[in-house]
Amino acid sequence: MKLFIILGAINAFIAVALGAFGAHGLEGRIPDKYLETWKTAVTYQMFHATGLMIIALVSGKIGGPLMTWSGWLMFIGIILFSGSLFVLSVTQIKILGAITPLGGVSFLAAWVLFIVAVYKNL
C-alpha cells in the first residue's frame, strides 16, 4: 500500500500548489464564481489525498481487495472531481461540470468500501 501513501502525498502537494496558484495567480483573472469552484476542487483534493494516506495506513493492518478498491476509487475521484473543476474554472466550459458527479460517486463508493472493510476486519 506504499503506492497509496505516495499518491496521497503527491496529491496533497498538488493541492497546496494549486491552492496557492488559485489565490495568487487566478484572483482577478477569472470570475469569483469560478474562483470558488477552484477552491472547492482544492479542498476536495486535499481531503481525499489525506483519505488515500489513511487507507494506506489502515491497509497495513487489515488489507484486502475492499481496501485496494477504496484507494483506487478515491484516486479516480480526485482526478474526475477535482480535475474537472480545475479545468472548468479556467476554461469556463460548463459541460465539464457533467464529469464532476462521477468523481463524487467515486468518492462515496471509496468511503463505503473503506467502512465495510474496517467493519468486517476490526
PDB file of N, CA and C in Angstrom:
ATOM      1  N   MET A   1       0.806  -1.200   0.000  1.00  0.00           N
ATOM      2  CA  MET A   1       0.000   0.000   0.000  1.00  0.00           C
ATOM      3  C   MET A   1       0.852   1.268   0.000  1.00  0.00           C
ATOM      4  N   LYS A   2       2.142   1.078  -0.158  1.00  0.00           N
ATOM      5  CA  LYS A   2       3.044   2.227  -0.258  1.00  0.00           C
ATOM      6  C   LYS A   2       2.601   3.165  -1.381  1.00  0.00           C
ATOM      7  N   LEU A   3       2.059   2.584  -2.453  1.00  0.00           N
ATOM      8  CA  LEU A   3       1.621   3.387  -3.595  1.00  0.00           C
ATOM      9  C   LEU A   3       0.562   4.413  -3.192  1.00  0.00           C
ATOM     10  N   PHE A   4      -0.387   4.030  -2.321  1.00  0.00           N
ATOM     11  CA  PHE A   4      -1.431   4.965  -1.915  1.00  0.00           C
ATOM     12  C   PHE A   4      -0.877   6.077  -1.022  1.00  0.00           C
ATOM     13  N   ILE A   5       0.140   5.780  -0.238  1.00  0.00           N
ATOM     14  CA  ILE A   5       0.784   6.849   0.539  1.00  0.00           C
ATOM     15  C   ILE A   5       1.454   7.837  -0.413  1.00  0.00           C
ATOM     16  N   ILE A   6       2.143   7.306  -1.404  1.00  0.00           N
ATOM     17  CA  ILE A   6       2.827   8.167  -2.375  1.00  0.00           C
ATOM     18  C   ILE A   6       1.811   8.986  -3.175  1.00  0.00           C
ATOM     19  N   LEU A   7       0.748   8.331  -3.670  1.00  0.00           N
ATOM     20  CA  LEU A   7      -0.276   9.056  -4.429  1.00  0.00           C
ATOM     21  C   LEU A   7      -0.956  10.105  -3.554  1.00  0.00           C
ATOM     22  N   GLY A   8      -1.203   9.770  -2.298  1.00  0.00           N
ATOM     23  CA  GLY A   8      -1.805  10.733  -1.381  1.00  0.00           C
ATOM     24  C   GLY A   8      -0.901  11.933  -1.155  1.00  0.00           C
ATOM     25  N   ALA A   9       0.385  11.670  -0.933  1.00  0.00           N
ATOM     26  CA  ALA A   9       1.324  12.766  -0.697  1.00  0.00           C
ATOM     27  C   ALA A   9       1.495  13.637  -1.940  1.00  0.00           C
ATOM     28  N   ILE A  10       1.554  13.016  -3.099  1.00  0.00           N
ATOM     29  CA  ILE A  10       1.658  13.785  -4.349  1.00  0.00           C
ATOM     30  C   ILE A  10       0.420  14.666  -4.516  1.00  0.00           C
ATOM     31  N   ASN A  11      -0.755  14.092  -4.258  1.00  0.00           N
ATOM     32  CA  ASN A  11      -1.982  14.880  -4.406  1.00  0.00           C
ATOM     33  C   ASN A  11      -2.092  15.980  -3.369  1.00  0.00           C
ATOM     34  N   ALA A  12      -1.582  15.749  -2.163  1.00  0.00           N
ATOM     35  CA  ALA A  12      -1.571  16.819  -1.150  1.00  0.00           C
ATOM     36  C   ALA A  12      -0.653  17.948  -1.613  1.00  0.00           C
ATOM     37  N   PHE A  13       0.511  17.597  -2.134  1.00  0.00           N
ATOM     38  CA  PHE A  13       1.448  18.593  -2.661  1.00  0.00           C
ATOM     39  C   PHE A  13       0.792  19.412  -3.773  1.00  0.00           C
ATOM     40  N   ILE A  14       0.148  18.699  -4.709  1.00  0.00           N
ATOM     41  CA  ILE A  14      -0.505  19.381  -5.831  1.00  0.00           C
ATOM     42  C   ILE A  14      -1.626  20.285  -5.329  1.00  0.00           C
ATOM     43  N   ALA A  15      -2.382  19.823  -4.324  1.00  0.00           N
ATOM     44  CA  ALA A  15      -3.471  20.640  -3.779  1.00  0.00           C
ATOM     45  C   ALA A  15      -2.939  21.934  -3.182  1.00  0.00           C
ATOM     46  N   VAL A  16      -1.829  21.849  -2.457  1.00  0.00           N
ATOM     47  CA  VAL A  16      -1.230  23.066  -1.883  1.00  0.00           C
ATOM     48  C   VAL A  16      -0.768  23.999  -3.001  1.00  0.00           C
ATOM     49  N   ALA A  17      -0.088  23.438  -4.005  1.00  0.00           N
ATOM     50  CA  ALA A  17       0.414  24.257  -5.117  1.00  0.00           C
ATOM     51  C   ALA A  17      -0.738  24.913  -5.882  1.00  0.00           C
ATOM     52  N   LEU A  18      -1.785  24.130  -6.176  1.00  0.00           N
ATOM     53  CA  LEU A  18      -2.915  24.695  -6.921  1.00  0.00           C
ATOM     54  C   LEU A  18      -3.723  25.662  -6.065  1.00  0.00           C
ATOM     55  N   GLY A  19      -3.766  25.445  -4.768  1.00  0.00           N
ATOM     56  CA  GLY A  19      -4.424  26.402  -3.884  1.00  0.00           C
ATOM     57  C   GLY A  19      -3.713  27.747  -3.902  1.00  0.00           C
ATOM     58  N   ALA A  20      -2.396  27.696  -3.838  1.00  0.00           N
ATOM     59  CA  ALA A  20      -1.607  28.934  -3.889  1.00  0.00           C
ATOM     60  C   ALA A  20      -1.753  29.608  -5.249  1.00  0.00           C
ATOM     61  N   PHE A  21      -1.721  28.807  -6.305  1.00  0.00           N
ATOM     62  CA  PHE A  21      -1.894  29.374  -7.646  1.00  0.00           C
ATOM     63  C   PHE A  21      -3.260  30.045  -7.783  1.00  0.00           C
ATOM     64  N   GLY A  22      -4.295  29.398  -7.268  1.00  0.00           N
ATOM     65  CA  GLY A  22      -5.627  29.983  -7.335  1.00  0.00           C
ATOM     66  C   GLY A  22      -5.713  31.291  -6.577  1.00  0.00           C
ATOM     67  N   ALA A  23      -5.107  31.323  -5.382  1.00  0.00           N
ATOM     68  CA  ALA A  23      -5.181  32.523  -4.545  1.00  0.00           C
ATOM     69  C   ALA A  23      -4.364  33.678  -5.115  1.00  0.00           C
ATOM     70  N   HIS A  24      -3.235  33.361  -5.735  1.00  0.00           N
ATOM     71  CA  HIS A  24      -2.330  34.429  -6.182  1.00  0.00           C
ATOM     72  C   HIS A  24      -2.306  34.631  -7.693  1.00  0.00           C
ATOM     73  N   GLY A  25      -2.559  33.559  -8.438  1.00  0.00           N
ATOM     74  CA  GLY A  25      -2.451  33.668  -9.888  1.00  0.00           C
ATOM     75  C   GLY A  25      -3.769  33.847 -10.611  1.00  0.00           C
ATOM     76  N   LEU A  26      -4.846  33.396  -9.982  1.00  0.00           N
ATOM     77  CA  LEU A  26      -6.139  33.467 -10.667  1.00  0.00           C
ATOM     78  C   LEU A  26      -7.031  34.592 -10.165  1.00  0.00           C
ATOM     79  N   GLU A  27      -6.767  35.089  -8.972  1.00  0.00           N
ATOM     80  CA  GLU A  27      -7.615  36.141  -8.411  1.00  0.00           C
ATOM     81  C   GLU A  27      -7.603  37.363  -9.336  1.00  0.00           C
ATOM     82  N   GLY A  28      -8.794  37.799  -9.717  1.00  0.00           N
ATOM     83  CA  GLY A  28      -8.929  38.928 -10.628  1.00  0.00           C
ATOM     84  C   GLY A  28      -8.836  38.532 -12.095  1.00  0.00           C
ATOM     85  N   ARG A  29      -8.459  37.291 -12.369  1.00  0.00           N
ATOM     86  CA  ARG A  29      -8.334  36.839 -13.759  1.00  0.00           C
ATOM     87  C   ARG A  29      -9.511  35.980 -14.202  1.00  0.00           C
ATOM     88  N   ILE A  30     -10.187  35.358 -13.216  1.00  0.00           N
ATOM     89  CA  ILE A  30     -11.384  34.589 -13.530  1.00  0.00           C
ATOM     90  C   ILE A  30     -12.505  35.111 -12.618  1.00  0.00           C
ATOM     91  N   PRO A  31     -13.756  34.949 -13.033  1.00  0.00           N
ATOM     92  CA  PRO A  31     -14.868  35.414 -12.193  1.00  0.00           C
ATOM     93  C   PRO A  31     -14.853  34.739 -10.821  1.00  0.00           C
ATOM     94  N   ASP A  32     -15.371  35.451  -9.831  1.00  0.00           N
ATOM     95  CA  ASP A  32     -15.398  34.938  -8.454  1.00  0.00           C
ATOM     96  C   ASP A  32     -16.073  33.572  -8.363  1.00  0.00           C
ATOM     97  N   LYS A  33     -17.119  33.375  -9.146  1.00  0.00           N
ATOM     98  CA  LYS A  33     -17.826  32.086  -9.160  1.00  0.00           C
ATOM     99  C   LYS A  33     -16.855  30.947  -9.462  1.00  0.00           C
ATOM    100  N   TYR A  34     -15.984  31.160 -10.429  1.00  0.00           N
ATOM    101  CA  TYR A  34     -15.043  30.113 -10.819  1.00  0.00           C
ATOM    102  C   TYR A  34     -13.863  30.019  -9.861  1.00  0.00           C
ATOM    103  N   LEU A  35     -13.540  31.106  -9.202  1.00  0.00           N
ATOM    104  CA  LEU A  35     -12.514  31.053  -8.159  1.00  0.00           C
ATOM    105  C   LEU A  35     -13.015  30.203  -6.990  1.00  0.00           C
ATOM    106  N   GLU A  36     -14.299  30.313  -6.663  1.00  0.00           N
ATOM    107  CA  GLU A  36     -14.892  29.462  -5.619  1.00  0.00           C
ATOM    108  C   GLU A  36     -14.899  27.999  -6.054  1.00  0.00           C
ATOM    109  N   THR A  37     -15.173  27.755  -7.318  1.00  0.00           N
ATOM    110  CA  THR A  37     -15.128  26.393  -7.858  1.00  0.00           C
ATOM    111  C   THR A  37     -13.720  25.827  -7.729  1.00  0.00           C
ATOM    112  N   TRP A  38     -12.712  26.656  -8.027  1.00  0.00           N
ATOM    113  CA  TRP A  38     -11.308  26.260  -7.887  1.00  0.00           C
ATOM    114  C   TRP A  38     -11.014  25.869  -6.436  1.00  0.00           C
ATOM    115  N   LYS A  39     -11.487  26.694  -5.499  1.00  0.00           N
ATOM    116  CA  LYS A  39     -11.263  26.423  -4.072  1.00  0.00           C
ATOM    117  C   LYS A  39     -11.919  25.110  -3.653  1.00  0.00           C
ATOM    118  N   THR A  40     -13.106  24.840  -4.177  1.00  0.00           N
ATOM    119  CA  THR A  40     -13.784  23.569  -3.879  1.00  0.00           C
ATOM    120  C   THR A  40     -12.947  22.399  -4.373  1.00  0.00           C
ATOM    121  N   ALA A  41     -12.393  22.522  -5.566  1.00  0.00           N
ATOM    122  CA  ALA A  41     -11.551  21.461  -6.119  1.00  0.00           C
ATOM    123  C   ALA A  41     -10.332  21.214  -5.230  1.00  0.00           C
ATOM    124  N   VAL A  42      -9.698  22.294  -4.789  1.00  0.00           N
ATOM    125  CA  VAL A  42      -8.525  22.173  -3.918  1.00  0.00           C
ATOM    126  C   VAL A  42      -8.905  21.493  -2.605  1.00  0.00           C
ATOM    127  N   THR A  43     -10.011  21.915  -2.019  1.00  0.00           N
ATOM    128  CA  THR A  43     -10.444  21.353  -0.734  1.00  0.00           C
ATOM    129  C   THR A  43     -10.707  19.859  -0.849  1.00  0.00           C
ATOM    130  N   TYR A  44     -11.466  19.467  -1.849  1.00  0.00           N
ATOM    131  CA  TYR A  44     -11.773  18.042  -2.011  1.00  0.00           C
ATOM    132  C   TYR A  44     -10.525  17.238  -2.345  1.00  0.00           C
ATOM    133  N   GLN A  45      -9.614  17.816  -3.108  1.00  0.00           N
ATOM    134  CA  GLN A  45      -8.382  17.103  -3.417  1.00  0.00           C
ATOM    135  C   GLN A  45      -7.580  16.861  -2.144  1.00  0.00           C
ATOM    136  N   MET A  46      -7.487  17.866  -1.284  1.00  0.00           N
ATOM    137  CA  MET A  46      -6.711  17.704  -0.062  1.00  0.00           C
ATOM    138  C   MET A  46      -7.355  16.688   0.879  1.00  0.00           C
ATOM    139  N   PHE A  47      -8.666  16.778   1.061  1.00  0.00           N
ATOM    140  CA  PHE A  47      -9.345  15.805   1.932  1.00  0.00           C
ATOM    141  C   PHE A  47      -9.122  14.381   1.446  1.00  0.00           C
ATOM    142  N   HIS A  48      -9.218  14.180   0.152  1.00  0.00           N
ATOM    143  CA  HIS A  48      -9.120  12.822  -0.367  1.00  0.00           C
ATOM    144  C   HIS A  48      -7.676  12.365  -0.546  1.00  0.00           C
ATOM    145  N   ALA A  49      -6.750  13.294  -0.660  1.00  0.00           N
ATOM    146  CA  ALA A  49      -5.326  12.919  -0.589  1.00  0.00           C
ATOM    147  C   ALA A  49      -5.040  12.361   0.800  1.00  0.00           C
ATOM    148  N   THR A  50      -5.583  13.021   1.817  1.00  0.00           N
ATOM    149  CA  THR A  50      -5.446  12.530   3.196  1.00  0.00           C
ATOM    150  C   THR A  50      -6.147  11.181   3.340  1.00  0.00           C
ATOM    151  N   GLY A  51      -7.324  11.058   2.728  1.00  0.00           N
ATOM    152  CA  GLY A  51      -8.038   9.784   2.750  1.00  0.00           C
ATOM    153  C   GLY A  51      -7.232   8.657   2.145  1.00  0.00           C
ATOM    154  N   LEU A  52      -6.539   8.927   1.051  1.00  0.00           N
ATOM    155  CA  LEU A  52      -5.671   7.911   0.434  1.00  0.00           C
ATOM    156  C   LEU A  52      -4.598   7.448   1.402  1.00  0.00           C
ATOM    157  N   MET A  53      -4.005   8.381   2.119  1.00  0.00           N
ATOM    158  CA  MET A  53      -2.956   8.002   3.068  1.00  0.00           C
ATOM    159  C   MET A  53      -3.536   7.220   4.244  1.00  0.00           C
ATOM    160  N   ILE A  54      -4.737   7.561   4.673  1.00  0.00           N
ATOM    161  CA  ILE A  54      -5.395   6.810   5.743  1.00  0.00           C
ATOM    162  C   ILE A  54      -5.678   5.384   5.276  1.00  0.00           C
ATOM    163  N   ILE A  55      -6.177   5.249   4.057  1.00  0.00           N
ATOM    164  CA  ILE A  55      -6.434   3.919   3.500  1.00  0.00           C
ATOM    165  C   ILE A  55      -5.146   3.101   3.501  1.00  0.00           C
ATOM    166  N   ALA A  56      -4.065   3.711   3.076  1.00  0.00           N
ATOM    167  CA  ALA A  56      -2.783   3.000   3.034  1.00  0.00           C
ATOM    168  C   ALA A  56      -2.365   2.540   4.428  1.00  0.00           C
ATOM    169  N   LEU A  57      -2.498   3.397   5.407  1.00  0.00           N
ATOM    170  CA  LEU A  57      -2.093   3.047   6.764  1.00  0.00           C
ATOM    171  C   LEU A  57      -2.988   1.962   7.359  1.00  0.00           C
ATOM    172  N   VAL A  58      -4.290   2.076   7.163  1.00  0.00           N
ATOM    173  CA  VAL A  58      -5.212   1.065   7.680  1.00  0.00           C
ATOM    174  C   VAL A  58      -5.018  -0.255   6.935  1.00  0.00           C
ATOM    175  N   SER A  59      -4.689  -0.187   5.655  1.00  0.00           N
ATOM    176  CA  SER A  59      -4.454  -1.394   4.870  1.00  0.00           C
ATOM    177  C   SER A  59      -3.302  -2.214   5.426  1.00  0.00           C
ATOM    178  N   GLY A  60      -2.360  -1.548   6.065  1.00  0.00           N
ATOM    179  CA  GLY A  60      -1.255  -2.285   6.692  1.00  0.00           C
ATOM    180  C   GLY A  60      -1.743  -3.201   7.795  1.00  0.00           C
ATOM    181  N   LYS A  61      -2.884  -2.889   8.368  1.00  0.00           N
ATOM    182  CA  LYS A  61      -3.445  -3.711   9.438  1.00  0.00           C
ATOM    183  C   LYS A  61      -4.457  -4.727   8.924  1.00  0.00           C
ATOM    184  N   ILE A  62      -5.322  -4.311   7.967  1.00  0.00           N
ATOM    185  CA  ILE A  62      -6.377  -5.232   7.542  1.00  0.00           C
ATOM    186  C   ILE A  62      -6.302  -5.639   6.068  1.00  0.00           C
ATOM    187  N   GLY A  63      -5.785  -4.815   5.209  1.00  0.00           N
ATOM    188  CA  GLY A  63      -5.599  -5.151   3.796  1.00  0.00           C
ATOM    189  C   GLY A  63      -6.845  -5.675   3.104  1.00  0.00           C
ATOM    190  N   GLY A  64      -6.657  -6.335   1.986  1.00  0.00           N
ATOM    191  CA  GLY A  64      -7.745  -6.957   1.247  1.00  0.00           C
ATOM    192  C   GLY A  64      -8.215  -6.139   0.063  1.00  0.00           C
ATOM    193  N   PRO A  65      -9.027  -6.785  -0.786  1.00  0.00           N
ATOM    194  CA  PRO A  65      -9.477  -6.127  -2.013  1.00  0.00           C
ATOM    195  C   PRO A  65     -10.382  -4.923  -1.778  1.00  0.00           C
ATOM    196  N   LEU A  66     -11.166  -4.926  -0.702  1.00  0.00           N
ATOM    197  CA  LEU A  66     -12.023  -3.767  -0.439  1.00  0.00           C
ATOM    198  C   LEU A  66     -11.186  -2.511  -0.212  1.00  0.00           C
ATOM    199  N   MET A  67     -10.098  -2.666   0.523  1.00  0.00           N
ATOM    200  CA  MET A  67      -9.219  -1.522   0.778  1.00  0.00           C
ATOM    201  C   MET A  67      -8.537  -1.065  -0.513  1.00  0.00           C
ATOM    202  N   THR A  68      -8.115  -2.028  -1.318  1.00  0.00           N
ATOM    203  CA  THR A  68      -7.461  -1.683  -2.581  1.00  0.00           C
ATOM    204  C   THR A  68      -8.425  -0.930  -3.493  1.00  0.00           C
ATOM    205  N   TRP A  69      -9.651  -1.442  -3.624  1.00  0.00           N
ATOM    206  CA  TRP A  69     -10.648  -0.755  -4.443  1.00  0.00           C
ATOM    207  C   TRP A  69     -10.980   0.615  -3.876  1.00  0.00           C
ATOM    208  N   SER A  70     -11.041   0.715  -2.562  1.00  0.00           N
ATOM    209  CA  SER A  70     -11.307   2.002  -1.937  1.00  0.00           C
ATOM    210  C   SER A  70     -10.241   3.027  -2.327  1.00  0.00           C
ATOM    211  N   GLY A  71      -8.994   2.619  -2.268  1.00  0.00           N
ATOM    212  CA  GLY A  71      -7.896   3.517  -2.638  1.00  0.00           C
ATOM    213  C   GLY A  71      -7.963   3.951  -4.091  1.00  0.00           C
ATOM    214  N   TRP A  72      -8.201   2.994  -4.979  1.00  0.00           N
ATOM    215  CA  TRP A  72      -8.250   3.345  -6.395  1.00  0.00           C
ATOM    216  C   TRP A  72      -9.444   4.238  -6.717  1.00  0.00           C
ATOM    217  N   LEU A  73     -10.586   3.957  -6.095  1.00  0.00           N
ATOM    218  CA  LEU A  73     -11.750   4.816  -6.332  1.00  0.00           C
ATOM    219  C   LEU A  73     -11.530   6.223  -5.793  1.00  0.00           C
ATOM    220  N   MET A  74     -10.820   6.327  -4.673  1.00  0.00           N
ATOM    221  CA  MET A  74     -10.537   7.651  -4.129  1.00  0.00           C
ATOM    222  C   MET A  74      -9.616   8.418  -5.090  1.00  0.00           C
ATOM    223  N   PHE A  75      -8.610   7.743  -5.630  1.00  0.00           N
ATOM    224  CA  PHE A  75      -7.692   8.376  -6.576  1.00  0.00           C
ATOM    225  C   PHE A  75      -8.437   8.791  -7.852  1.00  0.00           C
ATOM    226  N   ILE A  76      -9.291   7.910  -8.359  1.00  0.00           N
ATOM    227  CA  ILE A  76     -10.087   8.230  -9.546  1.00  0.00           C
ATOM    228  C   ILE A  76     -11.006   9.413  -9.251  1.00  0.00           C
ATOM    229  N   GLY A  77     -11.570   9.435  -8.050  1.00  0.00           N
ATOM    230  CA  GLY A  77     -12.430  10.546  -7.657  1.00  0.00           C
ATOM    231  C   GLY A  77     -11.701  11.874  -7.674  1.00  0.00           C
ATOM    232  N   ILE A  78     -10.457  11.876  -7.202  1.00  0.00           N
ATOM    233  CA  ILE A  78      -9.656  13.110  -7.228  1.00  0.00           C
ATOM    234  C   ILE A  78      -9.507  13.601  -8.664  1.00  0.00           C
ATOM    235  N   ILE A  79      -9.163  12.679  -9.540  1.00  0.00           N
ATOM    236  CA  ILE A  79      -8.953  13.061 -10.944  1.00  0.00           C
ATOM    237  C   ILE A  79     -10.251  13.591 -11.558  1.00  0.00           C
ATOM    238  N   LEU A  80     -11.343  12.845 -11.379  1.00  0.00           N
ATOM    239  CA  LEU A  80     -12.599  13.237 -12.018  1.00  0.00           C
ATOM    240  C   LEU A  80     -13.236  14.448 -11.361  1.00  0.00           C
ATOM    241  N   PHE A  81     -13.313  14.464 -10.029  1.00  0.00           N
ATOM    242  CA  PHE A  81     -13.997  15.549  -9.329  1.00  0.00           C
ATOM    243  C   PHE A  81     -13.155  16.820  -9.375  1.00  0.00           C
ATOM    244  N   SER A  82     -11.999  16.771  -8.737  1.00  0.00           N
ATOM    245  CA  SER A  82     -11.176  17.984  -8.673  1.00  0.00           C
ATOM    246  C   SER A  82     -10.661  18.374 -10.051  1.00  0.00           C
ATOM    247  N   GLY A  83     -10.221  17.385 -10.821  1.00  0.00           N
ATOM    248  CA  GLY A  83      -9.698  17.685 -12.160  1.00  0.00           C
ATOM    249  C   GLY A  83     -10.711  18.400 -13.027  1.00  0.00           C
ATOM    250  N   SER A  84     -11.951  17.911 -13.026  1.00  0.00           N
ATOM    251  CA  SER A  84     -12.972  18.559 -13.862  1.00  0.00           C
ATOM    252  C   SER A  84     -13.265  19.975 -13.370  1.00  0.00           C
ATOM    253  N   LEU A  85     -13.234  20.182 -12.049  1.00  0.00           N
ATOM    254  CA  LEU A  85     -13.487  21.531 -11.527  1.00  0.00           C
ATOM    255  C   LEU A  85     -12.335  22.492 -11.841  1.00  0.00           C
ATOM    256  N   PHE A  86     -11.103  22.000 -11.805  1.00  0.00           N
ATOM    257  CA  PHE A  86      -9.968  22.853 -12.178  1.00  0.00           C
ATOM    258  C   PHE A  86     -10.089  23.297 -13.634  1.00  0.00           C
ATOM    259  N   VAL A  87     -10.362  22.347 -14.507  1.00  0.00           N
ATOM    260  CA  VAL A  87     -10.476  22.671 -15.929  1.00  0.00           C
ATOM    261  C   VAL A  87     -11.684  23.578 -16.173  1.00  0.00           C
ATOM    262  N   LEU A  88     -12.797  23.285 -15.519  1.00  0.00           N
ATOM    263  CA  LEU A  88     -13.984  24.132 -15.637  1.00  0.00           C
ATOM    264  C   LEU A  88     -13.683  25.566 -15.217  1.00  0.00           C
ATOM    265  N   SER A  89     -12.943  25.718 -14.134  1.00  0.00           N
ATOM    266  CA  SER A  89     -12.643  27.058 -13.615  1.00  0.00           C
ATOM    267  C   SER A  89     -11.873  27.911 -14.610  1.00  0.00           C
ATOM    268  N   VAL A  90     -10.893  27.323 -15.265  1.00  0.00           N
ATOM    269  CA  VAL A  90     -10.056  28.131 -16.158  1.00  0.00           C
ATOM    270  C   VAL A  90     -10.614  28.235 -17.574  1.00  0.00           C
ATOM    271  N   THR A  91     -11.419  27.238 -18.002  1.00  0.00           N
ATOM    272  CA  THR A  91     -11.962  27.301 -19.358  1.00  0.00           C
ATOM    273  C   THR A  91     -13.377  27.855 -19.385  1.00  0.00           C
ATOM    274  N   GLN A  92     -14.090  27.698 -18.267  1.00  0.00           N
ATOM    275  CA  GLN A  92     -15.486  28.097 -18.141  1.00  0.00           C
ATOM    276  C   GLN A  92     -16.378  27.383 -19.151  1.00  0.00           C
ATOM    277  N   ILE A  93     -15.969  26.178 -19.533  1.00  0.00           N
ATOM    278  CA  ILE A  93     -16.781  25.314 -20.394  1.00  0.00           C
ATOM    279  C   ILE A  93     -17.693  24.510 -19.470  1.00  0.00           C
ATOM    280  N   LYS A  94     -18.941  24.918 -19.408  1.00  0.00           N
ATOM    281  CA  LYS A  94     -19.868  24.382 -18.404  1.00  0.00           C
ATOM    282  C   LYS A  94     -20.144  22.893 -18.529  1.00  0.00           C
ATOM    283  N   ILE A  95     -20.043  22.332 -19.709  1.00  0.00           N
ATOM    284  CA  ILE A  95     -20.327  20.904 -19.896  1.00  0.00           C
ATOM    285  C   ILE A  95     -19.356  20.041 -19.078  1.00  0.00           C
ATOM    286  N   LEU A  96     -18.190  20.584 -18.756  1.00  0.00           N
ATOM    287  CA  LEU A  96     -17.228  19.840 -17.947  1.00  0.00           C
ATOM    288  C   LEU A  96     -17.777  19.540 -16.558  1.00  0.00           C
ATOM    289  N   GLY A  97     -18.736  20.336 -16.122  1.00  0.00           N
ATOM    290  CA  GLY A  97     -19.382  20.084 -14.839  1.00  0.00           C
ATOM    291  C   GLY A  97     -20.120  18.753 -14.811  1.00  0.00           C
ATOM    292  N   ALA A  98     -20.407  18.185 -15.965  1.00  0.00           N
ATOM    293  CA  ALA A  98     -21.081  16.886 -16.027  1.00  0.00           C
ATOM    294  C   ALA A  98     -20.168  15.746 -15.583  1.00  0.00           C
ATOM    295  N   ILE A  99     -18.875  15.965 -15.618  1.00  0.00           N
ATOM    296  CA  ILE A  99     -17.913  14.943 -15.192  1.00  0.00           C
ATOM    297  C   ILE A  99     -17.803  14.905 -13.667  1.00  0.00           C
ATOM    298  N   THR A 100     -17.973  16.037 -13.042  1.00  0.00           N
ATOM    299  CA  THR A 100     -17.766  16.181 -11.602  1.00  0.00           C
ATOM    300  C   THR A 100     -18.556  15.166 -10.777  1.00  0.00           C
ATOM    301  N   PRO A 101     -19.840  14.940 -11.046  1.00  0.00           N
ATOM    302  CA  PRO A 101     -20.581  13.963 -10.232  1.00  0.00           C
ATOM    303  C   PRO A 101     -20.017  12.549 -10.290  1.00  0.00           C
ATOM    304  N   LEU A 102     -19.383  12.193 -11.406  1.00  0.00           N
ATOM    305  CA  LEU A 102     -18.754  10.869 -11.484  1.00  0.00           C
ATOM    306  C   LEU A 102     -17.632  10.751 -10.451  1.00  0.00           C
ATOM    307  N   GLY A 103     -16.906  11.840 -10.273  1.00  0.00           N
ATOM    308  CA  GLY A 103     -15.881  11.866  -9.237  1.00  0.00           C
ATOM    309  C   GLY A 103     -16.483  11.797  -7.852  1.00  0.00           C
ATOM    310  N   GLY A 104     -17.616  12.502  -7.663  1.00  0.00           N
ATOM    311  CA  GLY A 104     -18.299  12.456  -6.378  1.00  0.00           C
ATOM    312  C   GLY A 104     -18.779  11.055  -6.042  1.00  0.00           C
ATOM    313  N   VAL A 105     -19.312  10.350  -7.033  1.00  0.00           N
ATOM    314  CA  VAL A 105     -19.751   8.965  -6.823  1.00  0.00           C
ATOM    315  C   VAL A 105     -18.545   8.084  -6.492  1.00  0.00           C
ATOM    316  N   SER A 106     -17.425   8.324  -7.142  1.00  0.00           N
ATOM    317  CA  SER A 106     -16.208   7.567  -6.830  1.00  0.00           C
ATOM    318  C   SER A 106     -15.779   7.792  -5.383  1.00  0.00           C
ATOM    319  N   PHE A 107     -15.843   9.049  -4.927  1.00  0.00           N
ATOM    320  CA  PHE A 107     -15.524   9.339  -3.528  1.00  0.00           C
ATOM    321  C   PHE A 107     -16.456   8.583  -2.592  1.00  0.00           C
ATOM    322  N   LEU A 108     -17.757   8.657  -2.861  1.00  0.00           N
ATOM    323  CA  LEU A 108     -18.733   7.993  -1.998  1.00  0.00           C
ATOM    324  C   LEU A 108     -18.499   6.485  -1.951  1.00  0.00           C
ATOM    325  N   ALA A 109     -18.276   5.884  -3.121  1.00  0.00           N
ATOM    326  CA  ALA A 109     -18.028   4.441  -3.177  1.00  0.00           C
ATOM    327  C   ALA A 109     -16.749   4.085  -2.418  1.00  0.00           C
ATOM    328  N   ALA A 110     -15.723   4.907  -2.550  1.00  0.00           N
ATOM    329  CA  ALA A 110     -14.463   4.656  -1.840  1.00  0.00           C
ATOM    330  C   ALA A 110     -14.680   4.654  -0.332  1.00  0.00           C
ATOM    331  N   TRP A 111     -15.434   5.629   0.164  1.00  0.00           N
ATOM    332  CA  TRP A 111     -15.682   5.699   1.607  1.00  0.00           C
ATOM    333  C   TRP A 111     -16.546   4.533   2.078  1.00  0.00           C
ATOM    334  N   VAL A 112     -17.532   4.123   1.286  1.00  0.00           N
ATOM    335  CA  VAL A 112     -18.362   2.981   1.664  1.00  0.00           C
ATOM    336  C   VAL A 112     -17.511   1.714   1.734  1.00  0.00           C
ATOM    337  N   LEU A 113     -16.668   1.499   0.742  1.00  0.00           N
ATOM    338  CA  LEU A 113     -15.801   0.316   0.762  1.00  0.00           C
ATOM    339  C   LEU A 113     -14.854   0.347   1.951  1.00  0.00           C
ATOM    340  N   PHE A 114     -14.346   1.513   2.277  1.00  0.00           N
ATOM    341  CA  PHE A 114     -13.475   1.655   3.444  1.00  0.00           C
ATOM    342  C   PHE A 114     -14.234   1.274   4.718  1.00  0.00           C
ATOM    343  N   ILE A 115     -15.451   1.784   4.864  1.00  0.00           N
ATOM    344  CA  ILE A 115     -16.265   1.481   6.047  1.00  0.00           C
ATOM    345  C   ILE A 115     -16.524  -0.022   6.143  1.00  0.00           C
ATOM    346  N   VAL A 116     -16.912  -0.640   5.040  1.00  0.00           N
ATOM    347  CA  VAL A 116     -17.202  -2.067   5.042  1.00  0.00           C
ATOM    348  C   VAL A 116     -15.948  -2.865   5.384  1.00  0.00           C
ATOM    349  N   ALA A 117     -14.821  -2.516   4.793  1.00  0.00           N
ATOM    350  CA  ALA A 117     -13.572  -3.231   5.065  1.00  0.00           C
ATOM    351  C   ALA A 117     -13.187  -3.133   6.538  1.00  0.00           C
ATOM    352  N   VAL A 118     -13.306  -1.965   7.092  1.00  0.00           N
ATOM    353  CA  VAL A 118     -12.959  -1.779   8.503  1.00  0.00           C
ATOM    354  C   VAL A 118     -13.940  -2.557   9.382  1.00  0.00           C
ATOM    355  N   TYR A 119     -15.223  -2.454   9.074  1.00  0.00           N
ATOM    356  CA  TYR A 119     -16.233  -3.140   9.871  1.00  0.00           C
ATOM    357  C   TYR A 119     -16.004  -4.659   9.873  1.00  0.00           C
ATOM    358  N   LYS A 120     -15.683  -5.216   8.698  1.00  0.00           N
ATOM    359  CA  LYS A 120     -15.501  -6.662   8.564  1.00  0.00           C
ATOM    360  C   LYS A 120     -14.215  -7.159   9.230  1.00  0.00           C
ATOM    361  N   ASN A 121     -13.232  -6.284   9.368  1.00  0.00           N
ATOM    362  CA  ASN A 121     -11.918  -6.758   9.787  1.00  0.00           C
ATOM    363  C   ASN A 121     -11.410  -6.234  11.120  1.00  0.00           C
ATOM    364  N   LEU A 122     -12.091  -5.287  11.726  1.00  0.00           N
ATOM    365  CA  LEU A 122     -11.609  -4.784  13.023  1.00  0.00           C
ATOM    366  C   LEU A 122     -12.588  -5.086  14.124  1.00  0.00           C
TER     367      LEU A 122
END
